[in-house]
Amino acid sequence: MDRRPTIIDVASRAGVSKSTVSLVLQNSPLVRTETRADVRRAMADLGYVYNRSAAQLRQSNTGLIGLVINDLRNPFFTEFATSVQMALSAKGFATVLANTDEDPALQAQVVSAMLEHGVAALILSPAYGAVDATFDAIARANVPTMQVLRRAVPDVARFPFSVPDYLTGSQMATDHLLAAGVRRIAFLGGLAGREVTQQRMSGYLAALARVGMEPLHLPGRPTRAFGREAALHLTAEHPDVDAVLCFSDLVALGLLSGCAQTGRRLGVDLKVVGFDDIEECAQVWPGLTSVRCDIAGFGRGVAETVLGWLETGTRPQPETVTPVDLIIRASSMS
C-alpha cells in the first residue's frame, strides 16, 4: 500500500464497520473481546496509526512536525532544535519536541506518541542502540522522516540524512595544529564504535597519516566532566601530547578547566581545538578555537528541506553534507 492506511481499510480487513473500528480506538467496552482482537490485528497488519488530531489539523490548516533530539542538555543540539522550531513556526507549523537522553527505548516511545498524534513529518537526531522499533514504526506510518547530525540506520533512501562536513572540519583543525609545529596531537572524547566519532576523527586520522604522526584517541562521553578528567590524565600519562582536538566543545571546555587546575598554559603548553563552535567558545578565557558547523543555519536548512518535502513533494537527497569553518582563537595560538 503506497498511501497511509485509513480507518476504512482497517474495517475492511477486519470485516467490521467503520463505527466498530472507531469504538475500538476509543477503548469502548461495547466491543466484544474477539472483535477488538480482530480490529487490532488488522491495524497491525496494515501498519495503521491512530491519528488523534488529524481533524483539528485540517480545521486549523496547520501541521505538527515532530523533532526528536538525543541530548538537549548539550547547547549544540539545543541551538539546532531552536533554529528548526523557529523556521517551522515562521511557516505556520507547530513543533512537538522531545529529548530522548540517548535512550533508544524512550526514543521509540516518544516517536510512537508523535505518530499517534498525527505529526506530518519527523526530524530525528537519533539515539544509538536498538533503534529498529523507532524506524519500523515510522516506516509503517509512512511519515516523511529525516535523520540529522548522526545516522542511526543506513537506509538513507527512506530516511534521508543531513550532517555538517565533519571530515573536512577535523582535517582543517588538525592541519591548523600541525602548522603550529606541535609534536603530538591527541583526539579527545567520543565513544568508540559510533559513526559520529569515526566521522569526526576521519579528517584527523587522514592529516596525521599524511605527515607520519601516530594518532592517540582517548575515548569518552562528550561532557565537561570527561574533559576535565582528561586534562589530568594527559598530564600524568601523556606528557608528550602538546595539542588536542576534542570531539565536542563541551569536552574542550572541560579540558580548559582541567588545564587551569594543573597549571598548563593554553596555547603555549597545550593547544586545544573544539568542535561545534557553540556560543560559549567566544566567551571563555582564553577563547576556544573550534570547528564551526553553523548549527543555526543547518537547522534552518533542515526545516526548509522538510517543508519542501511536505508542501511540494520534493524529496531530499539521500545524504546532504553542509560546509564548516575553523574559527581560530587564543586556545590554539602561542
C-alpha atoms as a PDB file:
ATOM      1  CA  MET A   1       0.000   0.000   0.000  1.00  0.00           C
ATOM      2  CA  ASP A   2       1.597   3.251  -1.201  1.00  0.00           C
ATOM      3  CA  ARG A   3      -0.649   5.538   0.852  1.00  0.00           C
ATOM      4  CA  ARG A   4      -1.273   5.620   4.586  1.00  0.00           C
ATOM      5  CA  PRO A   5      -3.891   3.048   5.616  1.00  0.00           C
ATOM      6  CA  THR A   6      -7.205   4.514   6.769  1.00  0.00           C
ATOM      7  CA  ILE A   7      -9.871   3.501   9.237  1.00  0.00           C
ATOM      8  CA  ILE A   8     -11.904   2.211   6.290  1.00  0.00           C
ATOM      9  CA  ASP A   9      -9.029  -0.080   5.284  1.00  0.00           C
ATOM     10  CA  VAL A  10      -8.915  -1.435   8.843  1.00  0.00           C
ATOM     11  CA  ALA A  11     -12.679  -2.021   8.854  1.00  0.00           C
ATOM     12  CA  SER A  12     -12.500  -3.877   5.544  1.00  0.00           C
ATOM     13  CA  ARG A  13      -9.588  -6.055   6.681  1.00  0.00           C
ATOM     14  CA  ALA A  14     -11.288  -6.913   9.997  1.00  0.00           C
ATOM     15  CA  GLY A  15     -14.727  -7.471   8.419  1.00  0.00           C
ATOM     16  CA  VAL A  16     -16.445  -4.897  10.635  1.00  0.00           C
ATOM     17  CA  SER A  17     -17.962  -1.455  10.229  1.00  0.00           C
ATOM     18  CA  LYS A  18     -16.068   1.827  10.404  1.00  0.00           C
ATOM     19  CA  SER A  19     -18.053   2.641  13.559  1.00  0.00           C
ATOM     20  CA  THR A  20     -16.816  -0.524  15.224  1.00  0.00           C
ATOM     21  CA  VAL A  21     -13.205   0.384  14.469  1.00  0.00           C
ATOM     22  CA  SER A  22     -13.828   3.841  15.971  1.00  0.00           C
ATOM     23  CA  LEU A  23     -15.187   2.236  19.144  1.00  0.00           C
ATOM     24  CA  VAL A  24     -12.090   0.042  19.401  1.00  0.00           C
ATOM     25  CA  LEU A  25      -9.849   3.102  19.028  1.00  0.00           C
ATOM     26  CA  GLN A  26     -11.787   4.780  21.828  1.00  0.00           C
ATOM     27  CA  ASN A  27     -11.410   1.678  24.038  1.00  0.00           C
ATOM     28  CA  SER A  28     -15.190   1.354  24.270  1.00  0.00           C
ATOM     29  CA  PRO A  29     -16.462  -1.520  26.435  1.00  0.00           C
ATOM     30  CA  LEU A  30     -19.273  -2.064  23.898  1.00  0.00           C
ATOM     31  CA  VAL A  31     -16.994  -4.037  21.588  1.00  0.00           C
ATOM     32  CA  ARG A  32     -16.646  -7.800  22.164  1.00  0.00           C
ATOM     33  CA  THR A  33     -13.152  -9.052  23.069  1.00  0.00           C
ATOM     34  CA  GLU A  34     -12.923 -11.197  19.920  1.00  0.00           C
ATOM     35  CA  THR A  35     -13.922  -8.289  17.663  1.00  0.00           C
ATOM     36  CA  ARG A  36     -11.459  -5.978  19.406  1.00  0.00           C
ATOM     37  CA  ALA A  37      -8.672  -8.504  18.763  1.00  0.00           C
ATOM     38  CA  ASP A  38      -9.649  -8.762  15.080  1.00  0.00           C
ATOM     39  CA  VAL A  39      -9.505  -4.988  14.682  1.00  0.00           C
ATOM     40  CA  ARG A  40      -6.180  -4.675  16.486  1.00  0.00           C
ATOM     41  CA  ARG A  41      -4.751  -7.459  14.318  1.00  0.00           C
ATOM     42  CA  ALA A  42      -5.922  -5.677  11.163  1.00  0.00           C
ATOM     43  CA  MET A  43      -4.317  -2.418  12.379  1.00  0.00           C
ATOM     44  CA  ALA A  44      -1.013  -4.176  12.950  1.00  0.00           C
ATOM     45  CA  ASP A  45      -1.124  -5.945   9.582  1.00  0.00           C
ATOM     46  CA  LEU A  46      -1.799  -2.691   7.727  1.00  0.00           C
ATOM     47  CA  GLY A  47       0.536  -0.524   9.797  1.00  0.00           C
ATOM     48  CA  TYR A  48      -2.357   1.744  10.744  1.00  0.00           C
ATOM     49  CA  VAL A  49      -1.517   4.506  13.250  1.00  0.00           C
ATOM     50  CA  TYR A  50      -4.381   6.180  15.096  1.00  0.00           C
ATOM     51  CA  ASN A  51      -4.288   9.931  14.353  1.00  0.00           C
ATOM     52  CA  ARG A  52      -5.910  11.683  17.292  1.00  0.00           C
ATOM     53  CA  SER A  53      -5.530  15.195  15.951  1.00  0.00           C
ATOM     54  CA  ALA A  54      -5.998  14.955  12.183  1.00  0.00           C
ATOM     55  CA  ALA A  55      -9.417  16.636  12.277  1.00  0.00           C
ATOM     56  CA  GLN A  56      -8.130  19.571  14.313  1.00  0.00           C
ATOM     57  CA  LEU A  57      -5.170  19.949  11.982  1.00  0.00           C
ATOM     58  CA  ARG A  58      -7.417  20.063   8.941  1.00  0.00           C
ATOM     59  CA  GLN A  59      -9.658  22.666  10.551  1.00  0.00           C
ATOM     60  CA  SER A  60      -6.769  24.930  11.529  1.00  0.00           C
ATOM     61  CA  ASN A  61      -4.904  24.442   8.234  1.00  0.00           C
ATOM     62  CA  THR A  62      -1.662  23.882  10.112  1.00  0.00           C
ATOM     63  CA  GLY A  63       0.504  20.869  10.899  1.00  0.00           C
ATOM     64  CA  LEU A  64       2.708  19.294  13.525  1.00  0.00           C
ATOM     65  CA  ILE A  65       6.345  18.394  12.976  1.00  0.00           C
ATOM     66  CA  GLY A  66       7.992  16.016  15.423  1.00  0.00           C
ATOM     67  CA  LEU A  67      11.513  16.968  16.499  1.00  0.00           C
ATOM     68  CA  VAL A  68      13.341  14.258  18.468  1.00  0.00           C
ATOM     69  CA  ILE A  69      16.758  15.121  19.928  1.00  0.00           C
ATOM     70  CA  ASN A  70      19.226  12.764  21.582  1.00  0.00           C
ATOM     71  CA  ASP A  71      20.654  15.270  24.110  1.00  0.00           C
ATOM     72  CA  LEU A  72      19.026  18.659  24.663  1.00  0.00           C
ATOM     73  CA  ARG A  73      21.370  19.349  27.574  1.00  0.00           C
ATOM     74  CA  ASN A  74      24.127  19.909  25.013  1.00  0.00           C
ATOM     75  CA  PRO A  75      23.967  23.540  23.735  1.00  0.00           C
ATOM     76  CA  PHE A  76      24.854  22.303  20.234  1.00  0.00           C
ATOM     77  CA  PHE A  77      21.620  20.312  19.994  1.00  0.00           C
ATOM     78  CA  THR A  78      19.624  22.992  21.811  1.00  0.00           C
ATOM     79  CA  GLU A  79      20.632  25.610  19.253  1.00  0.00           C
ATOM     80  CA  PHE A  80      19.775  23.224  16.428  1.00  0.00           C
ATOM     81  CA  ALA A  81      16.332  22.495  17.895  1.00  0.00           C
ATOM     82  CA  THR A  82      15.645  26.187  18.446  1.00  0.00           C
ATOM     83  CA  SER A  83      16.548  27.129  14.888  1.00  0.00           C
ATOM     84  CA  VAL A  84      14.374  24.333  13.465  1.00  0.00           C
ATOM     85  CA  GLN A  85      11.403  25.303  15.637  1.00  0.00           C
ATOM     86  CA  MET A  86      11.658  28.986  14.724  1.00  0.00           C
ATOM     87  CA  ALA A  87      11.919  28.237  10.998  1.00  0.00           C
ATOM     88  CA  LEU A  88       8.904  25.914  11.120  1.00  0.00           C
ATOM     89  CA  SER A  89       6.896  28.411  13.164  1.00  0.00           C
ATOM     90  CA  ALA A  90       7.541  31.108  10.570  1.00  0.00           C
ATOM     91  CA  LYS A  91       5.787  28.870   8.025  1.00  0.00           C
ATOM     92  CA  GLY A  92       2.799  28.131  10.256  1.00  0.00           C
ATOM     93  CA  PHE A  93       3.886  24.709  11.527  1.00  0.00           C
ATOM     94  CA  ALA A  94       3.967  23.735  15.189  1.00  0.00           C
ATOM     95  CA  THR A  95       6.842  21.688  16.600  1.00  0.00           C
ATOM     96  CA  VAL A  96       6.465  18.807  19.035  1.00  0.00           C
ATOM     97  CA  LEU A  97       9.830  18.479  20.774  1.00  0.00           C
ATOM     98  CA  ALA A  98      11.192  15.516  22.732  1.00  0.00           C
ATOM     99  CA  ASN A  99      14.545  14.797  24.361  1.00  0.00           C
ATOM    100  CA  THR A 100      15.484  11.109  24.427  1.00  0.00           C
ATOM    101  CA  ASP A 101      18.554  11.429  26.671  1.00  0.00           C
ATOM    102  CA  GLU A 102      20.395   8.895  24.461  1.00  0.00           C
ATOM    103  CA  ASP A 103      17.825   6.210  25.347  1.00  0.00           C
ATOM    104  CA  PRO A 104      16.583   4.247  22.292  1.00  0.00           C
ATOM    105  CA  ALA A 105      13.636   2.803  24.243  1.00  0.00           C
ATOM    106  CA  LEU A 106      12.467   6.293  25.192  1.00  0.00           C
ATOM    107  CA  GLN A 107      13.011   7.347  21.593  1.00  0.00           C
ATOM    108  CA  ALA A 108      10.681   4.600  20.363  1.00  0.00           C
ATOM    109  CA  GLN A 109       8.089   5.676  22.918  1.00  0.00           C
ATOM    110  CA  VAL A 110       8.072   9.374  22.019  1.00  0.00           C
ATOM    111  CA  VAL A 111       8.117   8.676  18.280  1.00  0.00           C
ATOM    112  CA  SER A 112       5.140   6.348  18.665  1.00  0.00           C
ATOM    113  CA  ALA A 113       3.247   9.033  20.590  1.00  0.00           C
ATOM    114  CA  MET A 114       4.060  11.659  17.956  1.00  0.00           C
ATOM    115  CA  LEU A 115       2.846   9.374  15.173  1.00  0.00           C
ATOM    116  CA  GLU A 116      -0.348   8.666  17.090  1.00  0.00           C
ATOM    117  CA  HIS A 117      -0.995  12.384  17.457  1.00  0.00           C
ATOM    118  CA  GLY A 118      -0.636  12.947  13.747  1.00  0.00           C
ATOM    119  CA  VAL A 119       2.716  14.583  13.058  1.00  0.00           C
ATOM    120  CA  ALA A 120       3.108  15.370   9.375  1.00  0.00           C
ATOM    121  CA  ALA A 121       6.860  14.701   9.434  1.00  0.00           C
ATOM    122  CA  LEU A 122       9.691  13.795  11.794  1.00  0.00           C
ATOM    123  CA  ILE A 123      13.190  15.186  12.262  1.00  0.00           C
ATOM    124  CA  LEU A 124      15.420  12.892  14.320  1.00  0.00           C
ATOM    125  CA  SER A 125      18.828  13.424  15.816  1.00  0.00           C
ATOM    126  CA  PRO A 126      18.721   9.810  16.913  1.00  0.00           C
ATOM    127  CA  ALA A 127      19.980   7.911  19.893  1.00  0.00           C
ATOM    128  CA  TYR A 128      22.211   4.965  19.082  1.00  0.00           C
ATOM    129  CA  GLY A 129      21.457   1.377  20.015  1.00  0.00           C
ATOM    130  CA  ALA A 130      18.348  -0.716  19.427  1.00  0.00           C
ATOM    131  CA  VAL A 131      16.547   1.639  17.039  1.00  0.00           C
ATOM    132  CA  ASP A 132      14.535  -0.882  14.989  1.00  0.00           C
ATOM    133  CA  ALA A 133      11.347  -0.174  16.970  1.00  0.00           C
ATOM    134  CA  THR A 134      11.617   3.527  16.185  1.00  0.00           C
ATOM    135  CA  PHE A 135      12.230   3.250  12.472  1.00  0.00           C
ATOM    136  CA  ASP A 136       9.891   0.303  11.893  1.00  0.00           C
ATOM    137  CA  ALA A 137       7.037   2.346  13.368  1.00  0.00           C
ATOM    138  CA  ILE A 138       7.912   5.299  11.141  1.00  0.00           C
ATOM    139  CA  ALA A 139       8.080   3.087   8.071  1.00  0.00           C
ATOM    140  CA  ARG A 140       4.639   1.609   8.834  1.00  0.00           C
ATOM    141  CA  ALA A 141       3.171   5.080   9.296  1.00  0.00           C
ATOM    142  CA  ASN A 142       4.803   6.263   6.049  1.00  0.00           C
ATOM    143  CA  VAL A 143       5.658   9.674   7.559  1.00  0.00           C
ATOM    144  CA  PRO A 144       8.435  11.756   5.918  1.00  0.00           C
ATOM    145  CA  THR A 145      11.441  11.494   8.222  1.00  0.00           C
ATOM    146  CA  MET A 146      14.959  12.914   8.197  1.00  0.00           C
ATOM    147  CA  GLN A 147      17.962  11.772  10.203  1.00  0.00           C
ATOM    148  CA  VAL A 148      20.177  14.691  11.166  1.00  0.00           C
ATOM    149  CA  LEU A 149      23.624  15.180  12.762  1.00  0.00           C
ATOM    150  CA  ARG A 150      24.049  11.424  13.366  1.00  0.00           C
ATOM    151  CA  ARG A 151      22.880   8.442  11.361  1.00  0.00           C
ATOM    152  CA  ALA A 152      21.286   5.537  13.223  1.00  0.00           C
ATOM    153  CA  VAL A 153      20.110   3.473  10.234  1.00  0.00           C
ATOM    154  CA  PRO A 154      21.855   3.118   6.870  1.00  0.00           C
ATOM    155  CA  ASP A 155      18.676   3.301   4.757  1.00  0.00           C
ATOM    156  CA  VAL A 156      19.110   6.925   3.678  1.00  0.00           C
ATOM    157  CA  ALA A 157      16.890   6.371   0.638  1.00  0.00           C
ATOM    158  CA  ARG A 158      13.927   6.024   3.012  1.00  0.00           C
ATOM    159  CA  PHE A 159      15.301   8.166   5.865  1.00  0.00           C
ATOM    160  CA  PRO A 160      17.482  10.915   4.302  1.00  0.00           C
ATOM    161  CA  PHE A 161      20.487  12.070   6.304  1.00  0.00           C
ATOM    162  CA  SER A 162      21.887  15.590   6.700  1.00  0.00           C
ATOM    163  CA  VAL A 163      25.126  16.414   8.531  1.00  0.00           C
ATOM    164  CA  PRO A 164      27.858  19.068   8.646  1.00  0.00           C
ATOM    165  CA  ASP A 165      31.131  18.122   6.952  1.00  0.00           C
ATOM    166  CA  TYR A 166      32.795  16.548   9.983  1.00  0.00           C
ATOM    167  CA  LEU A 167      35.612  15.041   7.917  1.00  0.00           C
ATOM    168  CA  THR A 168      36.732  18.376   6.463  1.00  0.00           C
ATOM    169  CA  GLY A 169      36.293  20.080   9.819  1.00  0.00           C
ATOM    170  CA  SER A 170      38.575  17.704  11.682  1.00  0.00           C
ATOM    171  CA  GLN A 171      41.122  17.827   8.866  1.00  0.00           C
ATOM    172  CA  MET A 172      41.170  21.643   8.928  1.00  0.00           C
ATOM    173  CA  ALA A 173      41.616  21.620  12.704  1.00  0.00           C
ATOM    174  CA  THR A 174      44.446  19.089  12.571  1.00  0.00           C
ATOM    175  CA  ASP A 175      46.227  20.932   9.761  1.00  0.00           C
ATOM    176  CA  HIS A 176      45.983  24.117  11.823  1.00  0.00           C
ATOM    177  CA  LEU A 177      47.663  22.419  14.772  1.00  0.00           C
ATOM    178  CA  LEU A 178      50.326  20.827  12.584  1.00  0.00           C
ATOM    179  CA  ALA A 179      51.131  24.228  11.091  1.00  0.00           C
ATOM    180  CA  ALA A 180      51.795  25.483  14.606  1.00  0.00           C
ATOM    181  CA  GLY A 181      54.649  22.946  14.895  1.00  0.00           C
ATOM    182  CA  VAL A 182      53.189  20.657  17.547  1.00  0.00           C
ATOM    183  CA  ARG A 183      54.829  17.294  18.199  1.00  0.00           C
ATOM    184  CA  ARG A 184      51.822  15.103  19.088  1.00  0.00           C
ATOM    185  CA  ILE A 185      48.077  15.612  18.708  1.00  0.00           C
ATOM    186  CA  ALA A 186      45.520  13.619  20.666  1.00  0.00           C
ATOM    187  CA  PHE A 187      41.847  13.234  19.766  1.00  0.00           C
ATOM    188  CA  LEU A 188      39.839  13.551  22.944  1.00  0.00           C
ATOM    189  CA  GLY A 189      36.311  12.231  23.515  1.00  0.00           C
ATOM    190  CA  GLY A 190      33.646  10.434  21.521  1.00  0.00           C
ATOM    191  CA  LEU A 191      32.542   6.886  22.241  1.00  0.00           C
ATOM    192  CA  ALA A 192      34.397   4.189  20.315  1.00  0.00           C
ATOM    193  CA  GLY A 193      32.434   2.389  17.620  1.00  0.00           C
ATOM    194  CA  ARG A 194      29.941   5.162  16.956  1.00  0.00           C
ATOM    195  CA  GLU A 195      29.722   6.501  13.433  1.00  0.00           C
ATOM    196  CA  VAL A 196      29.713  10.132  14.572  1.00  0.00           C
ATOM    197  CA  THR A 197      33.002   9.552  16.414  1.00  0.00           C
ATOM    198  CA  GLN A 198      34.508   7.942  13.324  1.00  0.00           C
ATOM    199  CA  GLN A 199      33.333  10.843  11.171  1.00  0.00           C
ATOM    200  CA  ARG A 200      34.757  13.478  13.480  1.00  0.00           C
ATOM    201  CA  MET A 201      38.049  11.577  13.712  1.00  0.00           C
ATOM    202  CA  SER A 202      38.357  10.824   9.996  1.00  0.00           C
ATOM    203  CA  GLY A 203      39.993  14.089   8.957  1.00  0.00           C
ATOM    204  CA  TYR A 204      42.289  13.974  11.994  1.00  0.00           C
ATOM    205  CA  LEU A 205      43.475  10.494  11.068  1.00  0.00           C
ATOM    206  CA  ALA A 206      43.990  11.438   7.416  1.00  0.00           C
ATOM    207  CA  ALA A 207      46.002  14.531   8.297  1.00  0.00           C
ATOM    208  CA  LEU A 208      48.245  12.622  10.724  1.00  0.00           C
ATOM    209  CA  ALA A 209      48.789   9.807   8.227  1.00  0.00           C
ATOM    210  CA  ARG A 210      49.936  12.359   5.679  1.00  0.00           C
ATOM    211  CA  VAL A 211      52.758  13.565   7.959  1.00  0.00           C
ATOM    212  CA  GLY A 212      53.521  10.212   9.596  1.00  0.00           C
ATOM    213  CA  MET A 213      52.382  11.184  13.106  1.00  0.00           C
ATOM    214  CA  GLU A 214      50.927   8.468  15.333  1.00  0.00           C
ATOM    215  CA  PRO A 215      47.318   9.121  16.425  1.00  0.00           C
ATOM    216  CA  LEU A 216      46.111   8.884  20.009  1.00  0.00           C
ATOM    217  CA  HIS A 217      42.412   8.571  20.810  1.00  0.00           C
ATOM    218  CA  LEU A 218      41.202   8.900  24.383  1.00  0.00           C
ATOM    219  CA  PRO A 219      37.504   7.935  24.132  1.00  0.00           C
ATOM    220  CA  GLY A 220      34.852   9.178  26.500  1.00  0.00           C
ATOM    221  CA  ARG A 221      31.422  10.733  26.798  1.00  0.00           C
ATOM    222  CA  PRO A 222      31.155  14.216  25.264  1.00  0.00           C
ATOM    223  CA  THR A 223      30.890  16.067  28.581  1.00  0.00           C
ATOM    224  CA  ARG A 224      32.751  18.741  30.512  1.00  0.00           C
ATOM    225  CA  ALA A 225      33.390  16.260  33.295  1.00  0.00           C
ATOM    226  CA  PHE A 226      35.210  13.936  30.923  1.00  0.00           C
ATOM    227  CA  GLY A 227      37.258  16.814  29.504  1.00  0.00           C
ATOM    228  CA  ARG A 228      38.338  17.956  32.956  1.00  0.00           C
ATOM    229  CA  GLU A 229      39.370  14.437  33.957  1.00  0.00           C
ATOM    230  CA  ALA A 230      41.204  14.020  30.646  1.00  0.00           C
ATOM    231  CA  ALA A 231      43.344  17.086  31.378  1.00  0.00           C
ATOM    232  CA  LEU A 232      44.673  15.359  34.482  1.00  0.00           C
ATOM    233  CA  HIS A 233      45.147  12.078  32.588  1.00  0.00           C
ATOM    234  CA  LEU A 234      47.077  13.746  29.770  1.00  0.00           C
ATOM    235  CA  THR A 235      49.413  15.467  32.208  1.00  0.00           C
ATOM    236  CA  ALA A 236      50.136  12.239  34.080  1.00  0.00           C
ATOM    237  CA  GLU A 237      50.144   9.654  31.279  1.00  0.00           C
ATOM    238  CA  HIS A 238      50.860  11.501  28.020  1.00  0.00           C
ATOM    239  CA  PRO A 239      53.180  14.434  28.766  1.00  0.00           C
ATOM    240  CA  ASP A 240      54.377  14.394  25.144  1.00  0.00           C
ATOM    241  CA  VAL A 241      50.945  15.481  23.880  1.00  0.00           C
ATOM    242  CA  ASP A 242      51.096  19.207  23.183  1.00  0.00           C
ATOM    243  CA  ALA A 243      47.897  19.596  21.157  1.00  0.00           C
ATOM    244  CA  VAL A 244      44.364  18.232  21.393  1.00  0.00           C
ATOM    245  CA  LEU A 245      41.418  18.081  19.006  1.00  0.00           C
ATOM    246  CA  CYS A 246      38.252  17.477  21.005  1.00  0.00           C
ATOM    247  CA  PHE A 247      35.163  15.588  19.886  1.00  0.00           C
ATOM    248  CA  SER A 248      32.968  18.474  21.054  1.00  0.00           C
ATOM    249  CA  ASP A 249      33.190  21.907  22.617  1.00  0.00           C
ATOM    250  CA  LEU A 250      31.866  20.550  25.905  1.00  0.00           C
ATOM    251  CA  VAL A 251      34.871  18.235  26.132  1.00  0.00           C
ATOM    252  CA  ALA A 252      37.180  21.121  25.213  1.00  0.00           C
ATOM    253  CA  LEU A 253      35.646  23.454  27.802  1.00  0.00           C
ATOM    254  CA  GLY A 254      36.143  20.804  30.468  1.00  0.00           C
ATOM    255  CA  LEU A 255      39.733  20.392  29.285  1.00  0.00           C
ATOM    256  CA  LEU A 256      40.319  24.135  29.666  1.00  0.00           C
ATOM    257  CA  SER A 257      39.103  23.927  33.245  1.00  0.00           C
ATOM    258  CA  GLY A 258      41.371  20.961  33.964  1.00  0.00           C
ATOM    259  CA  CYS A 259      44.368  22.750  32.481  1.00  0.00           C
ATOM    260  CA  ALA A 260      43.741  25.695  34.804  1.00  0.00           C
ATOM    261  CA  GLN A 261      43.863  23.219  37.687  1.00  0.00           C
ATOM    262  CA  THR A 262      47.125  21.623  36.515  1.00  0.00           C
ATOM    263  CA  GLY A 263      48.759  24.902  35.554  1.00  0.00           C
ATOM    264  CA  ARG A 264      49.152  24.110  31.826  1.00  0.00           C
ATOM    265  CA  ARG A 265      49.062  27.256  29.706  1.00  0.00           C
ATOM    266  CA  LEU A 266      46.572  27.115  26.858  1.00  0.00           C
ATOM    267  CA  GLY A 267      48.083  27.972  23.512  1.00  0.00           C
ATOM    268  CA  VAL A 268      51.597  27.651  24.933  1.00  0.00           C
ATOM    269  CA  ASP A 269      51.966  24.326  26.759  1.00  0.00           C
ATOM    270  CA  LEU A 270      48.886  22.785  25.162  1.00  0.00           C
ATOM    271  CA  LYS A 271      46.972  23.879  22.083  1.00  0.00           C
ATOM    272  CA  VAL A 272      43.280  22.977  22.087  1.00  0.00           C
ATOM    273  CA  VAL A 273      40.628  22.899  19.368  1.00  0.00           C
ATOM    274  CA  GLY A 274      36.955  22.128  19.981  1.00  0.00           C
ATOM    275  CA  PHE A 275      34.193  21.016  17.649  1.00  0.00           C
ATOM    276  CA  ASP A 276      30.800  22.734  17.020  1.00  0.00           C
ATOM    277  CA  ASP A 277      31.621  26.381  17.945  1.00  0.00           C
ATOM    278  CA  ILE A 278      28.839  26.856  20.462  1.00  0.00           C
ATOM    279  CA  GLU A 279      28.374  30.394  21.789  1.00  0.00           C
ATOM    280  CA  GLU A 280      30.493  29.829  24.882  1.00  0.00           C
ATOM    281  CA  CYS A 281      33.644  29.293  22.792  1.00  0.00           C
ATOM    282  CA  ALA A 282      33.893  33.034  22.210  1.00  0.00           C
ATOM    283  CA  GLN A 283      33.068  33.899  25.841  1.00  0.00           C
ATOM    284  CA  VAL A 284      35.578  31.794  27.791  1.00  0.00           C
ATOM    285  CA  TRP A 285      39.149  32.810  28.528  1.00  0.00           C
ATOM    286  CA  PRO A 286      41.205  32.012  26.627  1.00  0.00           C
ATOM    287  CA  GLY A 287      38.828  31.907  23.672  1.00  0.00           C
ATOM    288  CA  LEU A 288      38.360  28.393  22.302  1.00  0.00           C
ATOM    289  CA  THR A 289      39.315  27.594  18.719  1.00  0.00           C
ATOM    290  CA  SER A 290      36.561  25.420  17.250  1.00  0.00           C
ATOM    291  CA  VAL A 291      35.192  23.848  14.088  1.00  0.00           C
ATOM    292  CA  ARG A 292      32.132  25.938  13.288  1.00  0.00           C
ATOM    293  CA  CYS A 293      29.214  23.887  11.970  1.00  0.00           C
ATOM    294  CA  ASP A 294      26.830  26.877  11.695  1.00  0.00           C
ATOM    295  CA  ILE A 295      24.294  24.830  13.584  1.00  0.00           C
ATOM    296  CA  ALA A 296      21.653  27.569  13.451  1.00  0.00           C
ATOM    297  CA  GLY A 297      21.929  27.784   9.669  1.00  0.00           C
ATOM    298  CA  PHE A 298      21.992  24.000   9.478  1.00  0.00           C
ATOM    299  CA  GLY A 299      18.747  23.834  11.459  1.00  0.00           C
ATOM    300  CA  ARG A 300      17.046  26.363   9.203  1.00  0.00           C
ATOM    301  CA  GLY A 301      18.154  24.358   6.177  1.00  0.00           C
ATOM    302  CA  VAL A 302      16.726  21.141   7.601  1.00  0.00           C
ATOM    303  CA  ALA A 303      13.415  22.865   8.320  1.00  0.00           C
ATOM    304  CA  GLU A 304      13.248  24.208   4.754  1.00  0.00           C
ATOM    305  CA  THR A 305      14.026  20.757   3.358  1.00  0.00           C
ATOM    306  CA  VAL A 306      11.278  19.067   5.361  1.00  0.00           C
ATOM    307  CA  LEU A 307       8.752  21.763   4.432  1.00  0.00           C
ATOM    308  CA  GLY A 308       9.643  21.330   0.764  1.00  0.00           C
ATOM    309  CA  TRP A 309       9.091  17.597   1.147  1.00  0.00           C
ATOM    310  CA  LEU A 310       5.643  18.186   2.647  1.00  0.00           C
ATOM    311  CA  GLU A 311       4.442  21.085   0.537  1.00  0.00           C
ATOM    312  CA  THR A 312       5.823  20.309  -2.919  1.00  0.00           C
ATOM    313  CA  GLY A 313       6.751  16.642  -2.681  1.00  0.00           C
ATOM    314  CA  THR A 314      10.435  17.442  -3.198  1.00  0.00           C
ATOM    315  CA  ARG A 315      12.170  14.516  -1.554  1.00  0.00           C
ATOM    316  CA  PRO A 316      15.588  15.309  -0.026  1.00  0.00           C
ATOM    317  CA  GLN A 317      18.782  13.855  -1.423  1.00  0.00           C
ATOM    318  CA  PRO A 318      19.729  10.638   0.412  1.00  0.00           C
ATOM    319  CA  GLU A 319      22.676  12.419   2.026  1.00  0.00           C
ATOM    320  CA  THR A 320      23.417  16.128   2.404  1.00  0.00           C
ATOM    321  CA  VAL A 321      26.741  17.412   3.766  1.00  0.00           C
ATOM    322  CA  THR A 322      26.957  21.097   4.692  1.00  0.00           C
ATOM    323  CA  PRO A 323      30.147  23.211   4.849  1.00  0.00           C
ATOM    324  CA  VAL A 324      32.098  24.007   8.024  1.00  0.00           C
ATOM    325  CA  ASP A 325      34.724  26.588   9.028  1.00  0.00           C
ATOM    326  CA  LEU A 326      37.546  26.759  11.536  1.00  0.00           C
ATOM    327  CA  ILE A 327      37.270  29.701  13.949  1.00  0.00           C
ATOM    328  CA  ILE A 328      40.724  30.360  15.388  1.00  0.00           C
ATOM    329  CA  ARG A 329      41.024  31.808  18.893  1.00  0.00           C
ATOM    330  CA  ALA A 330      43.625  32.000  21.632  1.00  0.00           C
ATOM    331  CA  SER A 331      43.448  28.352  22.796  1.00  0.00           C
ATOM    332  CA  SER A 332      45.464  27.208  19.774  1.00  0.00           C
ATOM    333  CA  MET A 333      47.710  30.250  19.326  1.00  0.00           C
ATOM    334  CA  SER A 334      51.036  30.901  21.052  1.00  0.00           C
END
